[in-house]
Amino acid sequence: VWHAVQRRAGGPELDTLGATRLKNDTGAVILDIREQAEHAAGHLPNARHIPLAQLAERAGELPAGKPVLVFCNTGARSANAAGILRKAGREQVFNLAGGIQAWRQAGLPVARSQA
């Protein structure tokens, strides 16, 4: 039940195909809200990184007027992050269903941070 409540609070979810279309069609901002070590180990290409704990105070760093696709490992933390962004006034916020695990399972590219 809690997962369903979190999902509603975070707004709409997109599967990997929907996420790819959103990025390609709208130039959406891709936002990784995981911790630094998780981000460095692999993330969606061109993802911005703002850890969940810092998101409320750093939400203004995201470009206005663009949709935001938020992801974490499985989609649970990013549902919470989507809710934070909505409370901050962002309207077009989407959660990547299944997170980067689903992205990897679909065989989609993963980037690594430069050391």
N, C-alpha and C. Protein backbone atom coordinates (compact mmCIF):
# COMPACT_ATOMS: atom_id res chain seq x y z
N VAL A 1 0.83 -1.18 0.00
CA VAL A 1 0.00 0.00 0.00
C VAL A 1 0.88 1.25 0.00
N TRP A 2 1.93 1.28 0.81
CA TRP A 2 2.79 2.46 0.90
C TRP A 2 3.39 2.80 -0.45
N HIS A 3 3.82 1.77 -1.21
CA HIS A 3 4.41 2.01 -2.53
C HIS A 3 3.39 2.70 -3.44
N ALA A 4 2.13 2.30 -3.39
CA ALA A 4 1.08 2.92 -4.21
C ALA A 4 0.86 4.37 -3.79
N VAL A 5 0.92 4.65 -2.51
CA VAL A 5 0.76 6.01 -2.02
C VAL A 5 1.93 6.87 -2.50
N GLN A 6 3.15 6.35 -2.40
CA GLN A 6 4.32 7.08 -2.86
C GLN A 6 4.21 7.37 -4.35
N ARG A 7 3.77 6.40 -5.14
CA ARG A 7 3.66 6.56 -6.57
C ARG A 7 2.71 7.69 -6.90
N ARG A 8 1.55 7.75 -6.22
CA ARG A 8 0.59 8.83 -6.48
C ARG A 8 1.19 10.18 -6.12
N ALA A 9 1.91 10.25 -5.02
CA ALA A 9 2.51 11.51 -4.58
C ALA A 9 3.56 11.98 -5.58
N GLY A 10 4.23 11.06 -6.23
CA GLY A 10 5.29 11.41 -7.17
C GLY A 10 4.79 11.75 -8.55
N GLY A 11 3.54 11.49 -8.83
CA GLY A 11 3.00 11.80 -10.15
C GLY A 11 3.21 10.66 -11.12
N PRO A 12 3.13 10.99 -12.41
CA PRO A 12 3.17 9.94 -13.43
C PRO A 12 4.53 9.25 -13.53
N GLU A 13 4.47 7.97 -13.87
CA GLU A 13 5.68 7.19 -14.11
C GLU A 13 5.77 6.90 -15.60
N LEU A 14 6.99 6.78 -16.08
CA LEU A 14 7.23 6.38 -17.46
C LEU A 14 8.10 5.15 -17.47
N ASP A 15 7.80 4.22 -18.39
CA ASP A 15 8.69 3.08 -18.58
C ASP A 15 9.89 3.55 -19.41
N THR A 16 10.80 2.65 -19.71
CA THR A 16 12.02 3.06 -20.40
C THR A 16 11.73 3.62 -21.79
N LEU A 17 10.75 3.06 -22.49
CA LEU A 17 10.40 3.58 -23.82
C LEU A 17 9.83 4.99 -23.70
N GLY A 18 8.92 5.18 -22.76
CA GLY A 18 8.34 6.50 -22.55
C GLY A 18 9.39 7.52 -22.13
N ALA A 19 10.33 7.09 -21.30
CA ALA A 19 11.40 7.99 -20.86
C ALA A 19 12.29 8.39 -22.04
N THR A 20 12.61 7.44 -22.89
CA THR A 20 13.43 7.73 -24.07
C THR A 20 12.71 8.71 -24.99
N ARG A 21 11.42 8.48 -25.20
CA ARG A 21 10.65 9.40 -26.04
C ARG A 21 10.59 10.79 -25.44
N LEU A 22 10.37 10.86 -24.12
CA LEU A 22 10.32 12.16 -23.45
C LEU A 22 11.62 12.92 -23.67
N LYS A 23 12.75 12.26 -23.47
CA LYS A 23 14.06 12.90 -23.64
C LYS A 23 14.26 13.34 -25.08
N ASN A 24 13.97 12.46 -26.03
CA ASN A 24 14.21 12.77 -27.44
C ASN A 24 13.25 13.83 -27.97
N ASP A 25 11.99 13.79 -27.56
CA ASP A 25 10.97 14.69 -28.10
C ASP A 25 10.94 16.06 -27.44
N THR A 26 11.34 16.15 -26.17
CA THR A 26 11.18 17.40 -25.44
C THR A 26 12.48 17.97 -24.90
N GLY A 27 13.56 17.20 -24.95
CA GLY A 27 14.80 17.65 -24.34
C GLY A 27 14.71 17.71 -22.83
N ALA A 28 13.92 16.82 -22.26
CA ALA A 28 13.70 16.79 -20.81
C ALA A 28 15.02 16.73 -20.05
N VAL A 29 14.99 17.29 -18.86
CA VAL A 29 16.12 17.20 -17.95
C VAL A 29 16.07 15.83 -17.29
N ILE A 30 17.18 15.11 -17.32
CA ILE A 30 17.28 13.81 -16.66
C ILE A 30 17.97 14.05 -15.32
N LEU A 31 17.32 13.63 -14.24
CA LEU A 31 17.82 13.93 -12.90
C LEU A 31 18.05 12.66 -12.09
N ASP A 32 19.29 12.44 -11.70
CA ASP A 32 19.68 11.33 -10.84
C ASP A 32 19.71 11.84 -9.40
N ILE A 33 18.86 11.25 -8.55
CA ILE A 33 18.79 11.73 -7.16
C ILE A 33 19.49 10.78 -6.19
N ARG A 34 20.25 9.84 -6.72
CA ARG A 34 20.96 8.88 -5.87
C ARG A 34 22.20 9.53 -5.23
N GLU A 35 22.84 8.80 -4.35
CA GLU A 35 24.06 9.28 -3.70
C GLU A 35 25.22 9.30 -4.71
N GLN A 36 26.27 10.05 -4.38
CA GLN A 36 27.40 10.24 -5.29
C GLN A 36 28.01 8.92 -5.78
N ALA A 37 28.23 7.98 -4.89
CA ALA A 37 28.85 6.71 -5.29
C ALA A 37 27.96 5.95 -6.27
N GLU A 38 26.65 5.98 -6.06
CA GLU A 38 25.72 5.32 -6.97
C GLU A 38 25.76 5.99 -8.34
N HIS A 39 25.77 7.31 -8.35
CA HIS A 39 25.82 8.07 -9.61
C HIS A 39 27.10 7.75 -10.37
N ALA A 40 28.23 7.75 -9.66
CA ALA A 40 29.52 7.50 -10.30
C ALA A 40 29.60 6.10 -10.90
N ALA A 41 28.90 5.15 -10.31
CA ALA A 41 28.94 3.76 -10.79
C ALA A 41 28.17 3.57 -12.09
N GLY A 42 27.32 4.52 -12.44
CA GLY A 42 26.59 4.44 -13.70
C GLY A 42 25.27 5.17 -13.61
N HIS A 43 24.96 5.93 -14.66
CA HIS A 43 23.74 6.73 -14.68
C HIS A 43 23.26 6.88 -16.12
N LEU A 44 22.06 7.39 -16.30
CA LEU A 44 21.57 7.66 -17.64
C LEU A 44 22.45 8.72 -18.28
N PRO A 45 22.70 8.61 -19.58
CA PRO A 45 23.54 9.60 -20.25
C PRO A 45 22.99 11.02 -20.07
N ASN A 46 23.90 11.96 -19.86
CA ASN A 46 23.59 13.38 -19.71
C ASN A 46 22.74 13.70 -18.49
N ALA A 47 22.74 12.83 -17.50
CA ALA A 47 21.94 13.07 -16.29
C ALA A 47 22.61 14.12 -15.41
N ARG A 48 21.79 15.00 -14.86
CA ARG A 48 22.25 15.91 -13.82
C ARG A 48 22.19 15.14 -12.51
N HIS A 49 23.03 15.51 -11.57
CA HIS A 49 23.05 14.80 -10.29
C HIS A 49 22.79 15.76 -9.15
N ILE A 50 21.67 15.54 -8.47
CA ILE A 50 21.37 16.25 -7.23
C ILE A 50 20.86 15.20 -6.24
N PRO A 51 21.62 14.86 -5.20
CA PRO A 51 21.16 13.85 -4.24
C PRO A 51 19.82 14.23 -3.62
N LEU A 52 19.01 13.24 -3.34
CA LEU A 52 17.68 13.46 -2.78
C LEU A 52 17.72 14.38 -1.55
N ALA A 53 18.69 14.19 -0.68
CA ALA A 53 18.78 14.98 0.54
C ALA A 53 18.98 16.48 0.26
N GLN A 54 19.47 16.82 -0.92
CA GLN A 54 19.73 18.22 -1.28
C GLN A 54 18.68 18.79 -2.23
N LEU A 55 17.75 17.98 -2.68
CA LEU A 55 16.86 18.38 -3.76
C LEU A 55 15.97 19.57 -3.42
N ALA A 56 15.38 19.60 -2.24
CA ALA A 56 14.48 20.70 -1.89
C ALA A 56 15.18 22.05 -2.02
N GLU A 57 16.41 22.15 -1.54
CA GLU A 57 17.11 23.43 -1.61
C GLU A 57 17.78 23.69 -2.95
N ARG A 58 17.98 22.66 -3.78
CA ARG A 58 18.66 22.85 -5.07
C ARG A 58 17.73 22.72 -6.28
N ALA A 59 16.44 22.57 -6.06
CA ALA A 59 15.49 22.40 -7.17
C ALA A 59 15.57 23.55 -8.17
N GLY A 60 15.87 24.74 -7.71
CA GLY A 60 15.98 25.90 -8.58
C GLY A 60 17.11 25.83 -9.59
N GLU A 61 18.04 24.89 -9.42
CA GLU A 61 19.14 24.72 -10.37
C GLU A 61 18.68 24.08 -11.68
N LEU A 62 17.51 23.47 -11.67
CA LEU A 62 17.01 22.81 -12.87
C LEU A 62 16.40 23.85 -13.81
N PRO A 63 16.66 23.72 -15.12
CA PRO A 63 16.12 24.70 -16.06
C PRO A 63 14.60 24.73 -16.02
N ALA A 64 14.05 25.94 -16.04
CA ALA A 64 12.59 26.11 -16.03
C ALA A 64 12.03 25.78 -17.42
N GLY A 65 10.78 25.37 -17.43
CA GLY A 65 10.08 25.16 -18.70
C GLY A 65 10.36 23.85 -19.40
N LYS A 66 11.15 23.00 -18.80
CA LYS A 66 11.43 21.69 -19.40
C LYS A 66 10.89 20.59 -18.49
N PRO A 67 10.39 19.51 -19.08
CA PRO A 67 9.99 18.37 -18.26
C PRO A 67 11.22 17.80 -17.55
N VAL A 68 10.97 17.14 -16.43
CA VAL A 68 12.05 16.52 -15.65
C VAL A 68 11.74 15.04 -15.50
N LEU A 69 12.70 14.19 -15.85
CA LEU A 69 12.61 12.75 -15.63
C LEU A 69 13.53 12.43 -14.47
N VAL A 70 12.96 11.93 -13.38
CA VAL A 70 13.73 11.65 -12.16
C VAL A 70 13.95 10.14 -12.06
N PHE A 71 15.17 9.74 -11.65
CA PHE A 71 15.41 8.31 -11.45
C PHE A 71 16.31 8.05 -10.26
N CYS A 72 16.18 6.81 -9.75
CA CYS A 72 17.05 6.28 -8.71
C CYS A 72 17.37 4.84 -9.11
N ASN A 73 17.60 3.96 -8.15
CA ASN A 73 17.88 2.56 -8.50
C ASN A 73 16.63 1.82 -8.94
N THR A 74 15.54 1.96 -8.20
CA THR A 74 14.34 1.16 -8.48
C THR A 74 13.08 1.98 -8.74
N GLY A 75 13.12 3.27 -8.51
CA GLY A 75 11.95 4.12 -8.71
C GLY A 75 11.27 4.55 -7.43
N ALA A 76 11.67 4.01 -6.28
CA ALA A 76 11.02 4.37 -5.01
C ALA A 76 11.47 5.74 -4.52
N ARG A 77 12.78 5.96 -4.41
CA ARG A 77 13.28 7.27 -3.95
C ARG A 77 12.93 8.37 -4.94
N SER A 78 12.97 8.04 -6.23
CA SER A 78 12.67 9.07 -7.23
C SER A 78 11.20 9.47 -7.22
N ALA A 79 10.30 8.58 -6.78
CA ALA A 79 8.89 8.97 -6.62
C ALA A 79 8.79 10.05 -5.55
N ASN A 80 9.55 9.91 -4.47
CA ASN A 80 9.61 10.92 -3.43
C ASN A 80 10.18 12.22 -3.99
N ALA A 81 11.24 12.12 -4.78
CA ALA A 81 11.87 13.30 -5.37
C ALA A 81 10.90 14.02 -6.31
N ALA A 82 10.13 13.27 -7.08
CA ALA A 82 9.15 13.89 -7.98
C ALA A 82 8.14 14.70 -7.18
N GLY A 83 7.73 14.18 -6.04
CA GLY A 83 6.82 14.91 -5.16
C GLY A 83 7.43 16.20 -4.66
N ILE A 84 8.72 16.16 -4.31
CA ILE A 84 9.43 17.36 -3.86
C ILE A 84 9.45 18.41 -4.97
N LEU A 85 9.72 17.97 -6.20
CA LEU A 85 9.77 18.91 -7.32
C LEU A 85 8.40 19.51 -7.61
N ARG A 86 7.36 18.70 -7.47
CA ARG A 86 6.00 19.22 -7.67
C ARG A 86 5.68 20.28 -6.61
N LYS A 87 6.05 20.02 -5.37
CA LYS A 87 5.82 21.00 -4.30
C LYS A 87 6.61 22.28 -4.54
N ALA A 88 7.74 22.17 -5.25
CA ALA A 88 8.56 23.33 -5.57
C ALA A 88 8.03 24.08 -6.80
N GLY A 89 6.92 23.59 -7.36
CA GLY A 89 6.29 24.31 -8.47
C GLY A 89 6.50 23.73 -9.85
N ARG A 90 7.24 22.62 -9.96
CA ARG A 90 7.43 21.99 -11.27
C ARG A 90 6.18 21.21 -11.63
N GLU A 91 5.70 21.38 -12.85
CA GLU A 91 4.48 20.69 -13.27
C GLU A 91 4.75 19.42 -14.05
N GLN A 92 5.73 19.43 -14.92
CA GLN A 92 6.01 18.27 -15.76
C GLN A 92 7.15 17.46 -15.16
N VAL A 93 6.79 16.60 -14.21
CA VAL A 93 7.78 15.76 -13.52
C VAL A 93 7.35 14.31 -13.69
N PHE A 94 8.28 13.47 -14.12
CA PHE A 94 8.00 12.07 -14.37
C PHE A 94 9.02 11.21 -13.65
N ASN A 95 8.57 10.08 -13.12
CA ASN A 95 9.43 9.13 -12.43
C ASN A 95 9.73 7.97 -13.39
N LEU A 96 10.98 7.58 -13.47
CA LEU A 96 11.35 6.42 -14.29
C LEU A 96 10.97 5.16 -13.54
N ALA A 97 9.93 4.48 -14.01
CA ALA A 97 9.46 3.24 -13.38
C ALA A 97 10.56 2.19 -13.40
N GLY A 98 10.88 1.65 -12.24
CA GLY A 98 11.91 0.62 -12.15
C GLY A 98 13.32 1.17 -12.06
N GLY A 99 13.46 2.50 -12.17
CA GLY A 99 14.75 3.14 -12.02
C GLY A 99 15.81 2.67 -13.00
N ILE A 100 17.06 2.88 -12.62
CA ILE A 100 18.17 2.50 -13.51
C ILE A 100 18.25 0.99 -13.69
N GLN A 101 17.69 0.22 -12.75
CA GLN A 101 17.67 -1.23 -12.92
C GLN A 101 16.86 -1.60 -14.15
N ALA A 102 15.70 -0.98 -14.32
CA ALA A 102 14.86 -1.24 -15.51
C ALA A 102 15.57 -0.76 -16.77
N TRP A 103 16.25 0.38 -16.67
CA TRP A 103 16.99 0.94 -17.80
C TRP A 103 18.07 -0.05 -18.26
N ARG A 104 18.81 -0.58 -17.29
CA ARG A 104 19.86 -1.56 -17.64
C ARG A 104 19.27 -2.84 -18.21
N GLN A 105 18.16 -3.32 -17.61
CA GLN A 105 17.52 -4.54 -18.10
C GLN A 105 17.04 -4.39 -19.54
N ALA A 106 16.69 -3.17 -19.93
CA ALA A 106 16.24 -2.90 -21.29
C ALA A 106 17.42 -2.79 -22.26
N GLY A 107 18.64 -2.86 -21.73
CA GLY A 107 19.83 -2.79 -22.58
C GLY A 107 20.16 -1.38 -23.06
N LEU A 108 19.67 -0.38 -22.36
CA LEU A 108 19.91 1.01 -22.75
C LEU A 108 21.25 1.50 -22.21
N PRO A 109 21.83 2.52 -22.85
CA PRO A 109 23.17 2.95 -22.46
C PRO A 109 23.24 3.55 -21.05
N VAL A 110 24.35 3.28 -20.39
CA VAL A 110 24.64 3.81 -19.07
C VAL A 110 25.99 4.50 -19.14
N ALA A 111 26.05 5.72 -18.62
CA ALA A 111 27.29 6.49 -18.61
C ALA A 111 27.94 6.38 -17.23
N ARG A 112 29.23 6.58 -17.19
CA ARG A 112 29.96 6.61 -15.92
C ARG A 112 30.64 7.95 -15.77
N SER A 113 30.72 8.43 -14.54
CA SER A 113 31.37 9.71 -14.29
C SER A 113 32.87 9.58 -14.46
N GLN A 114 33.47 10.66 -14.94
CA GLN A 114 34.91 10.71 -15.07
C GLN A 114 35.51 10.91 -13.68
N ALA A 115 36.57 10.20 -13.38
CA ALA A 115 37.22 10.32 -12.06
C ALA A 115 38.07 11.56 -11.99
